[in-house]
Amino acid sequence: TDTDIKVRLARWQAPEPKVRQGFLDRYSRSVSEV
């Protein structure tokens, strides 16, 4: 349900980035959706 999805999203935490330096770090933080 929409409520189930909203509750889960409220508890969701973004995963740790796989890259923390260099261009790919900037890319992963700034790239738009596909």
All heavy atoms as atom14 arrays in JSON, in Angstrom:
{
  "sequence": "TDTDIKVRLARWQAPEPKVRQGFLDRYSRSVSEV",
  "atom14_mask": [
    [1, 1, 1, 1, 1, 1, 1, 0, 0, 0, 0, 0, 0, 0],
    [1, 1, 1, 1, 1, 1, 1, 1, 0, 0, 0, 0, 0, 0],
    [1, 1, 1, 1, 1, 1, 1, 0, 0, 0, 0, 0, 0, 0],
    [1, 1, 1, 1, 1, 1, 1, 1, 0, 0, 0, 0, 0, 0],
    [1, 1, 1, 1, 1, 1, 1, 1, 0, 0, 0, 0, 0, 0],
    [1, 1, 1, 1, 1, 1, 1, 1, 1, 0, 0, 0, 0, 0],
    [1, 1, 1, 1, 1, 1, 1, 0, 0, 0, 0, 0, 0, 0],
    [1, 1, 1, 1, 1, 1, 1, 1, 1, 1, 1, 0, 0, 0],
    [1, 1, 1, 1, 1, 1, 1, 1, 0, 0, 0, 0, 0, 0],
    [1, 1, 1, 1, 1, 0, 0, 0, 0, 0, 0, 0, 0, 0],
    [1, 1, 1, 1, 1, 1, 1, 1, 1, 1, 1, 0, 0, 0],
    [1, 1, 1, 1, 1, 1, 1, 1, 1, 1, 1, 1, 1, 1],
    [1, 1, 1, 1, 1, 1, 1, 1, 1, 0, 0, 0, 0, 0],
    [1, 1, 1, 1, 1, 0, 0, 0, 0, 0, 0, 0, 0, 0],
    [1, 1, 1, 1, 1, 1, 1, 0, 0, 0, 0, 0, 0, 0],
    [1, 1, 1, 1, 1, 1, 1, 1, 1, 0, 0, 0, 0, 0],
    [1, 1, 1, 1, 1, 1, 1, 0, 0, 0, 0, 0, 0, 0],
    [1, 1, 1, 1, 1, 1, 1, 1, 1, 0, 0, 0, 0, 0],
    [1, 1, 1, 1, 1, 1, 1, 0, 0, 0, 0, 0, 0, 0],
    [1, 1, 1, 1, 1, 1, 1, 1, 1, 1, 1, 0, 0, 0],
    [1, 1, 1, 1, 1, 1, 1, 1, 1, 0, 0, 0, 0, 0],
    [1, 1, 1, 1, 0, 0, 0, 0, 0, 0, 0, 0, 0, 0],
    [1, 1, 1, 1, 1, 1, 1, 1, 1, 1, 1, 0, 0, 0],
    [1, 1, 1, 1, 1, 1, 1, 1, 0, 0, 0, 0, 0, 0],
    [1, 1, 1, 1, 1, 1, 1, 1, 0, 0, 0, 0, 0, 0],
    [1, 1, 1, 1, 1, 1, 1, 1, 1, 1, 1, 0, 0, 0],
    [1, 1, 1, 1, 1, 1, 1, 1, 1, 1, 1, 1, 0, 0],
    [1, 1, 1, 1, 1, 1, 0, 0, 0, 0, 0, 0, 0, 0],
    [1, 1, 1, 1, 1, 1, 1, 1, 1, 1, 1, 0, 0, 0],
    [1, 1, 1, 1, 1, 1, 0, 0, 0, 0, 0, 0, 0, 0],
    [1, 1, 1, 1, 1, 1, 1, 0, 0, 0, 0, 0, 0, 0],
    [1, 1, 1, 1, 1, 1, 0, 0, 0, 0, 0, 0, 0, 0],
    [1, 1, 1, 1, 1, 1, 1, 1, 1, 0, 0, 0, 0, 0],
    [1, 1, 1, 1, 1, 1, 1, 0, 0, 0, 0, 0, 0, 0]
  ],
  "atom14_positions": [
    [[0.84, -1.19, 0.0], [0.0, 0.0, 0.0], [0.88, 1.25, 0.0], [2.07, 1.19, 0.33], [-0.92, 0.03, 1.22], [-0.11, 0.18, 2.41], [-1.74, -1.25, 1.33], [0.0, 0.0, 0.0], [0.0, 0.0, 0.0], [0.0, 0.0, 0.0], [0.0, 0.0, 0.0], [0.0, 0.0, 0.0], [0.0, 0.0, 0.0], [0.0, 0.0, 0.0]],
    [[0.31, 2.36, -0.36], [1.04, 3.63, -0.31], [1.55, 3.91, 1.1], [2.65, 4.43, 1.29], [0.15, 4.78, -0.77], [-0.17, 4.71, -2.26], [0.55, 3.98, -2.98], [-1.12, 5.38, -2.7], [0.0, 0.0, 0.0], [0.0, 0.0, 0.0], [0.0, 0.0, 0.0], [0.0, 0.0, 0.0], [0.0, 0.0, 0.0], [0.0, 0.0, 0.0]],
    [[0.74, 3.54, 2.1], [1.13, 3.75, 3.49], [2.34, 2.89, 3.84], [3.29, 3.36, 4.49], [-0.03, 3.42, 4.44], [-1.13, 4.28, 4.14], [0.39, 3.62, 5.89], [0.0, 0.0, 0.0], [0.0, 0.0, 0.0], [0.0, 0.0, 0.0], [0.0, 0.0, 0.0], [0.0, 0.0, 0.0], [0.0, 0.0, 0.0], [0.0, 0.0, 0.0]],
    [[2.32, 1.62, 3.41], [3.46, 0.74, 3.66], [4.75, 1.31, 3.07], [5.81, 1.29, 3.7], [3.21, -0.65, 3.06], [2.14, -1.42, 3.81], [1.93, -1.15, 5.01], [1.49, -2.29, 3.19], [0.0, 0.0, 0.0], [0.0, 0.0, 0.0], [0.0, 0.0, 0.0], [0.0, 0.0, 0.0], [0.0, 0.0, 0.0], [0.0, 0.0, 0.0]],
    [[4.65, 1.8, 1.85], [5.82, 2.36, 1.18], [6.32, 3.6, 1.91], [7.53, 3.77, 2.14], [5.49, 2.69, -0.3], [5.23, 1.38, -1.07], [6.62, 3.48, -0.95], [4.75, 1.59, -2.49], [0.0, 0.0, 0.0], [0.0, 0.0, 0.0], [0.0, 0.0, 0.0], [0.0, 0.0, 0.0], [0.0, 0.0, 0.0], [0.0, 0.0, 0.0]],
    [[5.41, 4.47, 2.33], [5.8, 5.69, 3.05], [6.47, 5.38, 4.38], [7.45, 6.02, 4.76], [4.57, 6.59, 3.26], [4.06, 7.25, 1.99], [2.82, 8.08, 2.27], [2.3, 8.72, 1.0], [1.05, 9.51, 1.24], [0.0, 0.0, 0.0], [0.0, 0.0, 0.0], [0.0, 0.0, 0.0], [0.0, 0.0, 0.0], [0.0, 0.0, 0.0]],
    [[5.94, 4.38, 5.08], [6.53, 4.0, 6.37], [7.94, 3.46, 6.17], [8.88, 3.83, 6.9], [5.64, 2.95, 7.08], [6.38, 2.35, 8.28], [4.33, 3.59, 7.53], [0.0, 0.0, 0.0], [0.0, 0.0, 0.0], [0.0, 0.0, 0.0], [0.0, 0.0, 0.0], [0.0, 0.0, 0.0], [0.0, 0.0, 0.0], [0.0, 0.0, 0.0]],
    [[8.12, 2.62, 5.18], [9.45, 2.07, 4.92], [10.42, 3.17, 4.49], [11.59, 3.17, 4.91], [9.38, 1.0, 3.84], [8.72, -0.3, 4.29], [9.0, -1.4, 3.28], [8.2, -2.59, 3.51], [8.3, -3.7, 2.79], [9.18, -3.76, 1.79], [7.56, -4.75, 3.06], [0.0, 0.0, 0.0], [0.0, 0.0, 0.0], [0.0, 0.0, 0.0]],
    [[9.95, 4.08, 3.65], [10.83, 5.16, 3.19], [11.24, 6.06, 4.35], [12.37, 6.57, 4.38], [10.13, 5.98, 2.1], [10.06, 5.32, 0.72], [9.23, 6.18, -0.23], [11.46, 5.12, 0.14], [0.0, 0.0, 0.0], [0.0, 0.0, 0.0], [0.0, 0.0, 0.0], [0.0, 0.0, 0.0], [0.0, 0.0, 0.0], [0.0, 0.0, 0.0]],
    [[10.33, 6.27, 5.3], [10.65, 7.11, 6.47], [11.76, 6.47, 7.31], [12.53, 7.18, 7.98], [9.41, 7.33, 7.32], [0.0, 0.0, 0.0], [0.0, 0.0, 0.0], [0.0, 0.0, 0.0], [0.0, 0.0, 0.0], [0.0, 0.0, 0.0], [0.0, 0.0, 0.0], [0.0, 0.0, 0.0], [0.0, 0.0, 0.0], [0.0, 0.0, 0.0]],
    [[11.87, 5.15, 7.27], [12.89, 4.44, 8.05], [14.15, 4.16, 7.24], [15.15, 3.69, 7.8], [12.31, 3.11, 8.55], [11.12, 3.27, 9.49], [10.47, 1.92, 9.75], [9.34, 2.04, 10.68], [8.48, 1.06, 10.94], [8.63, -0.11, 10.32], [7.5, 1.25, 11.8], [0.0, 0.0, 0.0], [0.0, 0.0, 0.0], [0.0, 0.0, 0.0]],
    [[14.1, 4.43, 5.94], [15.21, 4.06, 5.05], [16.41, 4.98, 5.24], [16.28, 6.19, 5.44], [14.73, 4.14, 3.61], [15.79, 3.82, 2.58], [16.25, 2.59, 2.25], [16.48, 4.75, 1.74], [17.2, 2.69, 1.26], [17.36, 3.99, 0.93], [16.44, 6.14, 1.6], [18.2, 4.58, -0.01], [17.27, 6.73, 0.67], [18.13, 5.96, -0.12]],
    [[17.57, 4.4, 5.17], [18.81, 5.16, 5.2], [19.59, 4.86, 3.93], [19.71, 3.69, 3.52], [19.66, 4.79, 6.43], [19.03, 5.24, 7.75], [19.94, 4.94, 8.93], [20.82, 4.09, 8.86], [19.72, 5.64, 10.02], [0.0, 0.0, 0.0], [0.0, 0.0, 0.0], [0.0, 0.0, 0.0], [0.0, 0.0, 0.0], [0.0, 0.0, 0.0]],
    [[20.12, 5.88, 3.32], [20.87, 5.7, 2.07], [22.08, 4.81, 2.31], [22.74, 4.92, 3.35], [21.31, 7.07, 1.53], [0.0, 0.0, 0.0], [0.0, 0.0, 0.0], [0.0, 0.0, 0.0], [0.0, 0.0, 0.0], [0.0, 0.0, 0.0], [0.0, 0.0, 0.0], [0.0, 0.0, 0.0], [0.0, 0.0, 0.0], [0.0, 0.0, 0.0]],
    [[22.4, 3.93, 1.38], [23.58, 3.07, 1.54], [24.87, 3.88, 1.51], [24.92, 4.97, 0.92], [23.49, 2.12, 0.34], [22.67, 2.87, -0.68], [21.69, 3.68, 0.11], [0.0, 0.0, 0.0], [0.0, 0.0, 0.0], [0.0, 0.0, 0.0], [0.0, 0.0, 0.0], [0.0, 0.0, 0.0], [0.0, 0.0, 0.0], [0.0, 0.0, 0.0]],
    [[25.89, 3.35, 2.14], [27.19, 4.02, 2.12], [27.72, 4.05, 0.68], [27.59, 3.07, -0.06], [28.18, 3.26, 3.0], [27.89, 3.38, 4.5], [28.13, 4.8, 5.0], [29.07, 5.46, 4.51], [27.35, 5.24, 5.86], [0.0, 0.0, 0.0], [0.0, 0.0, 0.0], [0.0, 0.0, 0.0], [0.0, 0.0, 0.0], [0.0, 0.0, 0.0]],
    [[28.3, 5.17, 0.25], [28.84, 5.23, -1.11], [29.98, 4.24, -1.29], [30.76, 4.0, -0.37], [29.32, 6.68, -1.23], [29.5, 7.16, 0.17], [28.48, 6.44, 0.99], [0.0, 0.0, 0.0], [0.0, 0.0, 0.0], [0.0, 0.0, 0.0], [0.0, 0.0, 0.0], [0.0, 0.0, 0.0], [0.0, 0.0, 0.0], [0.0, 0.0, 0.0]],
    [[30.08, 3.66, -2.46], [31.13, 2.69, -2.75], [32.48, 3.35, -2.99], [33.52, 2.72, -2.83], [30.74, 1.85, -3.96], [29.5, 0.99, -3.75], [29.09, 0.27, -5.02], [27.81, -0.52, -4.81], [27.34, -1.15, -6.06], [0.0, 0.0, 0.0], [0.0, 0.0, 0.0], [0.0, 0.0, 0.0], [0.0, 0.0, 0.0], [0.0, 0.0, 0.0]],
    [[32.45, 4.61, -3.41], [33.68, 5.37, -3.67], [33.64, 6.66, -2.88], [32.62, 7.36, -2.87], [33.83, 5.68, -5.18], [35.11, 6.45, -5.45], [33.8, 4.39, -5.99], [0.0, 0.0, 0.0], [0.0, 0.0, 0.0], [0.0, 0.0, 0.0], [0.0, 0.0, 0.0], [0.0, 0.0, 0.0], [0.0, 0.0, 0.0], [0.0, 0.0, 0.0]],
    [[34.72, 6.99, -2.22], [34.75, 8.17, -1.35], [35.77, 9.22, -1.77], [36.02, 10.17, -1.04], [35.03, 7.76, 0.1], [33.89, 6.98, 0.74], [34.19, 6.67, 2.18], [33.07, 6.05, 2.87], [32.07, 6.72, 3.44], [32.07, 8.04, 3.43], [31.1, 6.08, 4.05], [0.0, 0.0, 0.0], [0.0, 0.0, 0.0], [0.0, 0.0, 0.0]],
    [[36.36, 9.06, -2.93], [37.34, 10.05, -3.37], [37.38, 10.1, -4.9], [36.9, 9.18, -5.57], [38.73, 9.71, -2.84], [39.26, 8.36, -3.28], [40.6, 8.03, -2.64], [41.15, 8.81, -1.88], [41.14, 6.87, -2.96], [0.0, 0.0, 0.0], [0.0, 0.0, 0.0], [0.0, 0.0, 0.0], [0.0, 0.0, 0.0], [0.0, 0.0, 0.0]],
    [[37.95, 11.17, -5.41], [38.11, 11.3, -6.84], [36.83, 11.65, -7.57], [35.81, 12.01, -6.98], [0.0, 0.0, 0.0], [0.0, 0.0, 0.0], [0.0, 0.0, 0.0], [0.0, 0.0, 0.0], [0.0, 0.0, 0.0], [0.0, 0.0, 0.0], [0.0, 0.0, 0.0], [0.0, 0.0, 0.0], [0.0, 0.0, 0.0], [0.0, 0.0, 0.0]],
    [[36.9, 11.51, -8.9], [35.77, 11.92, -9.73], [34.53, 11.09, -9.47], [33.41, 11.61, -9.47], [36.16, 11.82, -11.22], [35.02, 12.12, -12.14], [34.6, 13.42, -12.36], [34.32, 11.09, -12.76], [33.53, 13.7, -13.2], [33.25, 11.35, -13.6], [32.86, 12.67, -13.82], [0.0, 0.0, 0.0], [0.0, 0.0, 0.0], [0.0, 0.0, 0.0]],
    [[34.69, 9.78, -9.26], [33.51, 8.94, -9.05], [32.76, 9.31, -7.77], [31.55, 9.13, -7.7], [33.9, 7.46, -9.02], [34.21, 6.82, -10.37], [34.62, 5.37, -10.19], [33.01, 6.92, -11.31], [0.0, 0.0, 0.0], [0.0, 0.0, 0.0], [0.0, 0.0, 0.0], [0.0, 0.0, 0.0], [0.0, 0.0, 0.0], [0.0, 0.0, 0.0]],
    [[33.48, 9.82, -6.79], [32.81, 10.3, -5.57], [31.92, 11.48, -5.91], [30.75, 11.53, -5.52], [33.87, 10.69, -4.54], [33.24, 11.34, -3.3], [32.29, 10.75, -2.75], [33.69, 12.42, -2.9], [0.0, 0.0, 0.0], [0.0, 0.0, 0.0], [0.0, 0.0, 0.0], [0.0, 0.0, 0.0], [0.0, 0.0, 0.0], [0.0, 0.0, 0.0]],
    [[32.47, 12.43, -6.65], [31.66, 13.59, -7.08], [30.51, 13.14, -7.97], [29.37, 13.61, -7.84], [32.54, 14.59, -7.83], [31.73, 15.74, -8.43], [32.6, 16.75, -9.15], [31.75, 17.76, -9.75], [31.51, 17.85, -11.05], [32.04, 17.0, -11.89], [30.73, 18.81, -11.52], [0.0, 0.0, 0.0], [0.0, 0.0, 0.0], [0.0, 0.0, 0.0]],
    [[30.8, 12.22, -8.88], [29.78, 11.74, -9.8], [28.61, 11.11, -9.03], [27.45, 11.43, -9.29], [30.4, 10.71, -10.74], [29.44, 10.07, -11.71], [29.21, 10.64, -12.96], [28.78, 8.9, -11.39], [28.33, 10.05, -13.86], [27.89, 8.3, -12.28], [27.67, 8.88, -13.51], [26.79, 8.31, -14.39], [0.0, 0.0, 0.0], [0.0, 0.0, 0.0]],
    [[28.91, 10.23, -8.09], [27.85, 9.53, -7.37], [26.99, 10.47, -6.54], [25.83, 10.19, -6.26], [28.44, 8.43, -6.49], [29.24, 8.99, -5.47], [0.0, 0.0, 0.0], [0.0, 0.0, 0.0], [0.0, 0.0, 0.0], [0.0, 0.0, 0.0], [0.0, 0.0, 0.0], [0.0, 0.0, 0.0], [0.0, 0.0, 0.0], [0.0, 0.0, 0.0]],
    [[27.56, 11.6, -6.12], [26.79, 12.57, -5.34], [26.01, 13.54, -6.21], [25.03, 14.14, -5.75], [27.73, 13.36, -4.42], [28.29, 12.54, -3.26], [29.12, 13.38, -2.29], [30.45, 13.69, -2.83], [30.82, 14.87, -3.31], [29.94, 15.88, -3.33], [32.03, 15.08, -3.77], [0.0, 0.0, 0.0], [0.0, 0.0, 0.0], [0.0, 0.0, 0.0]],
    [[26.4, 13.7, -7.47], [25.83, 14.76, -8.3], [25.08, 14.28, -9.53], [24.4, 15.08, -10.18], [26.96, 15.7, -8.77], [27.71, 16.19, -7.68], [0.0, 0.0, 0.0], [0.0, 0.0, 0.0], [0.0, 0.0, 0.0], [0.0, 0.0, 0.0], [0.0, 0.0, 0.0], [0.0, 0.0, 0.0], [0.0, 0.0, 0.0], [0.0, 0.0, 0.0]],
    [[25.19, 13.01, -9.89], [24.58, 12.53, -11.12], [23.06, 12.49, -11.0], [22.51, 12.23, -9.92], [25.14, 11.14, -11.49], [24.67, 10.08, -10.48], [24.75, 10.75, -12.9], [0.0, 0.0, 0.0], [0.0, 0.0, 0.0], [0.0, 0.0, 0.0], [0.0, 0.0, 0.0], [0.0, 0.0, 0.0], [0.0, 0.0, 0.0], [0.0, 0.0, 0.0]],
    [[22.38, 12.76, -12.11], [20.93, 12.73, -12.12], [20.44, 11.3, -12.29], [21.21, 10.37, -12.57], [20.39, 13.58, -13.28], [20.73, 12.99, -14.54], [0.0, 0.0, 0.0], [0.0, 0.0, 0.0], [0.0, 0.0, 0.0], [0.0, 0.0, 0.0], [0.0, 0.0, 0.0], [0.0, 0.0, 0.0], [0.0, 0.0, 0.0], [0.0, 0.0, 0.0]],
    [[19.13, 11.12, -12.12], [18.53, 9.8, -12.28], [18.65, 9.35, -13.74], [18.79, 10.16, -14.67], [17.06, 9.85, -11.89], [16.85, 9.88, -10.39], [16.71, 8.49, -9.8], [17.24, 7.53, -10.4], [16.09, 8.37, -8.75], [0.0, 0.0, 0.0], [0.0, 0.0, 0.0], [0.0, 0.0, 0.0], [0.0, 0.0, 0.0], [0.0, 0.0, 0.0]],
    [[18.54, 8.04, -13.95], [18.74, 7.5, -15.3], [17.67, 7.99, -16.27], [17.96, 8.21, -17.45], [18.78, 5.95, -15.25], [17.41, 5.37, -14.86], [19.26, 5.38, -16.56], [0.0, 0.0, 0.0], [0.0, 0.0, 0.0], [0.0, 0.0, 0.0], [0.0, 0.0, 0.0], [0.0, 0.0, 0.0], [0.0, 0.0, 0.0], [0.0, 0.0, 0.0]]
  ]
}
